[in-house]
Amino acid sequence: MDIVVVRREPCAPGGETTVVRLLGLLPPHWSCLPEVERDRVVLHVMLGSTDGCDAVRTEVEEVMADPAMRGWFAET
């Protein structure tokens, strides 16, 4: 499953900083492969390390509400 987040506020940190924050906020047992661009981050989440798609979506919603992710938004 892919998680895609995009920067919508120019003053928000770039993708390199954001991917570190994003990975730090997600459950540590998740296996993810990141792709990082300046204004876009894609995390390929291996579902075998999660409780399924619905659990991933719920967790991502919570993570994106964290102040560390200000200026970035998950694409649906």
N, C-alpha and C. Protein backbone atom coordinates (compact mmCIF):
# COMPACT_ATOMS: atom_id res chain seq x y z
N MET A 1 0.86 -1.17 0.00
CA MET A 1 0.00 0.00 0.00
C MET A 1 0.90 1.23 0.00
N ASP A 2 0.52 2.23 -0.78
CA ASP A 2 1.30 3.46 -0.83
C ASP A 2 0.64 4.56 -0.02
N ILE A 3 1.47 5.27 0.73
CA ILE A 3 1.06 6.48 1.43
C ILE A 3 1.74 7.62 0.67
N VAL A 4 0.94 8.58 0.22
CA VAL A 4 1.49 9.72 -0.51
C VAL A 4 1.15 10.98 0.27
N VAL A 5 2.19 11.76 0.59
CA VAL A 5 1.97 13.05 1.23
C VAL A 5 2.63 14.13 0.38
N VAL A 6 1.97 15.27 0.32
CA VAL A 6 2.46 16.37 -0.51
C VAL A 6 2.54 17.65 0.31
N ARG A 7 3.52 18.48 -0.04
CA ARG A 7 3.69 19.76 0.64
C ARG A 7 2.77 20.77 -0.01
N ARG A 8 1.94 21.42 0.80
CA ARG A 8 1.01 22.42 0.30
C ARG A 8 1.32 23.81 0.82
N GLU A 9 2.26 23.91 1.75
CA GLU A 9 2.66 25.21 2.29
C GLU A 9 4.15 25.39 2.02
N PRO A 10 4.52 26.44 1.30
CA PRO A 10 5.92 26.61 0.92
C PRO A 10 6.88 26.75 2.09
N CYS A 11 6.38 27.19 3.25
CA CYS A 11 7.26 27.35 4.41
C CYS A 11 7.46 26.04 5.18
N ALA A 12 6.75 24.98 4.80
CA ALA A 12 6.91 23.68 5.46
C ALA A 12 8.27 23.08 5.07
N PRO A 13 8.84 22.24 5.93
CA PRO A 13 10.13 21.61 5.59
C PRO A 13 10.02 20.78 4.32
N GLY A 14 11.15 20.57 3.67
CA GLY A 14 11.19 19.78 2.45
C GLY A 14 10.98 18.29 2.69
N GLY A 15 10.94 17.55 1.62
CA GLY A 15 10.67 16.13 1.68
C GLY A 15 11.66 15.33 2.49
N GLU A 16 12.95 15.71 2.45
CA GLU A 16 13.97 14.96 3.17
C GLU A 16 13.72 15.00 4.68
N THR A 17 13.38 16.17 5.20
CA THR A 17 13.07 16.30 6.62
C THR A 17 11.76 15.62 6.94
N THR A 18 10.79 15.79 6.07
CA THR A 18 9.45 15.25 6.31
C THR A 18 9.44 13.73 6.35
N VAL A 19 10.22 13.07 5.50
CA VAL A 19 10.22 11.61 5.51
C VAL A 19 10.77 11.08 6.83
N VAL A 20 11.76 11.76 7.39
CA VAL A 20 12.30 11.35 8.69
C VAL A 20 11.23 11.49 9.77
N ARG A 21 10.53 12.61 9.75
CA ARG A 21 9.44 12.83 10.72
C ARG A 21 8.34 11.79 10.55
N LEU A 22 7.94 11.57 9.31
CA LEU A 22 6.87 10.62 9.01
C LEU A 22 7.23 9.22 9.50
N LEU A 23 8.41 8.76 9.17
CA LEU A 23 8.84 7.43 9.60
C LEU A 23 8.91 7.34 11.12
N GLY A 24 9.32 8.42 11.77
CA GLY A 24 9.41 8.42 13.23
C GLY A 24 8.06 8.38 13.91
N LEU A 25 7.02 8.85 13.25
CA LEU A 25 5.68 8.88 13.83
C LEU A 25 4.88 7.60 13.56
N LEU A 26 5.28 6.84 12.56
CA LEU A 26 4.57 5.60 12.24
C LEU A 26 5.01 4.48 13.19
N PRO A 27 4.20 3.44 13.32
CA PRO A 27 4.58 2.32 14.19
C PRO A 27 5.94 1.75 13.78
N PRO A 28 6.80 1.46 14.75
CA PRO A 28 8.16 1.01 14.43
C PRO A 28 8.23 -0.35 13.75
N HIS A 29 7.19 -1.16 13.87
CA HIS A 29 7.22 -2.49 13.25
C HIS A 29 6.80 -2.48 11.78
N TRP A 30 6.35 -1.34 11.27
CA TRP A 30 5.97 -1.27 9.86
C TRP A 30 7.21 -1.32 8.98
N SER A 31 7.15 -2.06 7.90
CA SER A 31 8.21 -2.07 6.90
C SER A 31 7.80 -1.13 5.77
N CYS A 32 8.65 -0.13 5.51
CA CYS A 32 8.34 0.89 4.51
C CYS A 32 9.54 1.14 3.62
N LEU A 33 9.27 1.45 2.37
CA LEU A 33 10.30 1.86 1.43
C LEU A 33 9.93 3.27 0.95
N PRO A 34 10.73 4.29 1.32
CA PRO A 34 10.38 5.67 0.94
C PRO A 34 10.92 6.08 -0.42
N GLU A 35 10.16 6.96 -1.08
CA GLU A 35 10.60 7.69 -2.27
C GLU A 35 10.41 9.16 -1.92
N VAL A 36 11.47 9.94 -2.02
CA VAL A 36 11.42 11.31 -1.54
C VAL A 36 11.71 12.30 -2.67
N GLU A 37 10.84 13.28 -2.80
CA GLU A 37 11.04 14.43 -3.67
C GLU A 37 10.90 15.67 -2.80
N ARG A 38 11.23 16.81 -3.33
CA ARG A 38 11.18 18.05 -2.55
C ARG A 38 9.79 18.32 -1.98
N ASP A 39 8.75 18.11 -2.77
CA ASP A 39 7.38 18.44 -2.36
C ASP A 39 6.47 17.23 -2.28
N ARG A 40 7.05 16.03 -2.29
CA ARG A 40 6.22 14.82 -2.30
C ARG A 40 7.01 13.66 -1.69
N VAL A 41 6.32 12.89 -0.84
CA VAL A 41 6.91 11.69 -0.25
C VAL A 41 5.95 10.54 -0.48
N VAL A 42 6.47 9.44 -0.96
CA VAL A 42 5.69 8.21 -1.12
C VAL A 42 6.33 7.16 -0.23
N LEU A 43 5.53 6.55 0.62
CA LEU A 43 5.99 5.41 1.42
C LEU A 43 5.27 4.18 0.92
N HIS A 44 6.03 3.20 0.49
CA HIS A 44 5.47 1.91 0.11
C HIS A 44 5.46 1.07 1.38
N VAL A 45 4.27 0.84 1.93
CA VAL A 45 4.12 0.10 3.18
C VAL A 45 3.84 -1.35 2.86
N MET A 46 4.64 -2.23 3.41
CA MET A 46 4.43 -3.67 3.24
C MET A 46 3.32 -4.09 4.19
N LEU A 47 2.18 -4.47 3.64
CA LEU A 47 1.00 -4.73 4.47
C LEU A 47 1.19 -5.89 5.44
N GLY A 48 2.09 -6.80 5.15
CA GLY A 48 2.34 -7.91 6.08
C GLY A 48 2.84 -7.44 7.43
N SER A 49 3.38 -6.22 7.49
CA SER A 49 3.88 -5.68 8.75
C SER A 49 2.82 -4.85 9.48
N THR A 50 1.60 -4.80 8.92
CA THR A 50 0.53 -3.97 9.49
C THR A 50 -0.68 -4.84 9.78
N ASP A 51 -1.75 -4.18 10.23
CA ASP A 51 -3.03 -4.86 10.45
C ASP A 51 -3.98 -4.65 9.28
N GLY A 52 -3.46 -4.30 8.10
CA GLY A 52 -4.27 -4.14 6.91
C GLY A 52 -4.47 -2.70 6.49
N CYS A 53 -5.11 -2.53 5.34
CA CYS A 53 -5.29 -1.21 4.73
C CYS A 53 -6.04 -0.23 5.62
N ASP A 54 -7.11 -0.68 6.26
CA ASP A 54 -7.88 0.22 7.11
C ASP A 54 -7.05 0.72 8.28
N ALA A 55 -6.25 -0.16 8.87
CA ALA A 55 -5.39 0.23 9.98
C ALA A 55 -4.34 1.23 9.52
N VAL A 56 -3.81 1.03 8.32
CA VAL A 56 -2.82 1.96 7.78
C VAL A 56 -3.45 3.33 7.58
N ARG A 57 -4.63 3.37 6.99
CA ARG A 57 -5.30 4.66 6.75
C ARG A 57 -5.57 5.39 8.07
N THR A 58 -6.05 4.66 9.07
CA THR A 58 -6.33 5.26 10.38
C THR A 58 -5.07 5.82 11.00
N GLU A 59 -4.00 5.05 10.97
CA GLU A 59 -2.73 5.50 11.55
C GLU A 59 -2.19 6.73 10.82
N VAL A 60 -2.29 6.75 9.50
CA VAL A 60 -1.80 7.88 8.72
C VAL A 60 -2.60 9.14 9.06
N GLU A 61 -3.91 9.03 9.23
CA GLU A 61 -4.72 10.18 9.62
C GLU A 61 -4.23 10.77 10.93
N GLU A 62 -3.92 9.90 11.90
CA GLU A 62 -3.43 10.35 13.20
C GLU A 62 -2.06 11.02 13.06
N VAL A 63 -1.19 10.41 12.28
CA VAL A 63 0.16 10.95 12.08
C VAL A 63 0.09 12.32 11.41
N MET A 64 -0.76 12.47 10.42
CA MET A 64 -0.84 13.73 9.69
C MET A 64 -1.40 14.86 10.55
N ALA A 65 -2.07 14.54 11.65
CA ALA A 65 -2.58 15.55 12.57
C ALA A 65 -1.49 16.07 13.51
N ASP A 66 -0.34 15.40 13.55
CA ASP A 66 0.76 15.81 14.42
C ASP A 66 1.33 17.15 13.93
N PRO A 67 1.66 18.07 14.84
CA PRO A 67 2.23 19.36 14.43
C PRO A 67 3.51 19.23 13.60
N ALA A 68 4.24 18.16 13.74
CA ALA A 68 5.47 17.96 12.95
C ALA A 68 5.18 17.84 11.46
N MET A 69 3.94 17.52 11.12
CA MET A 69 3.57 17.33 9.72
C MET A 69 2.84 18.55 9.14
N ARG A 70 2.86 19.64 9.88
CA ARG A 70 2.18 20.87 9.43
C ARG A 70 2.69 21.29 8.05
N GLY A 71 1.77 21.60 7.17
CA GLY A 71 2.12 22.02 5.81
C GLY A 71 2.13 20.88 4.80
N TRP A 72 2.00 19.66 5.30
CA TRP A 72 1.97 18.46 4.45
C TRP A 72 0.61 17.80 4.59
N PHE A 73 0.12 17.21 3.49
CA PHE A 73 -1.21 16.61 3.49
C PHE A 73 -1.17 15.28 2.77
N ALA A 74 -1.91 14.32 3.29
CA ALA A 74 -2.01 13.00 2.66
C ALA A 74 -2.96 13.09 1.48
N GLU A 75 -2.55 12.50 0.36
CA GLU A 75 -3.44 12.39 -0.79
C GLU A 75 -4.32 11.17 -0.58
N THR A 76 -5.56 11.28 -1.01
CA THR A 76 -6.47 10.14 -0.84
C THR A 76 -6.69 9.44 -2.15
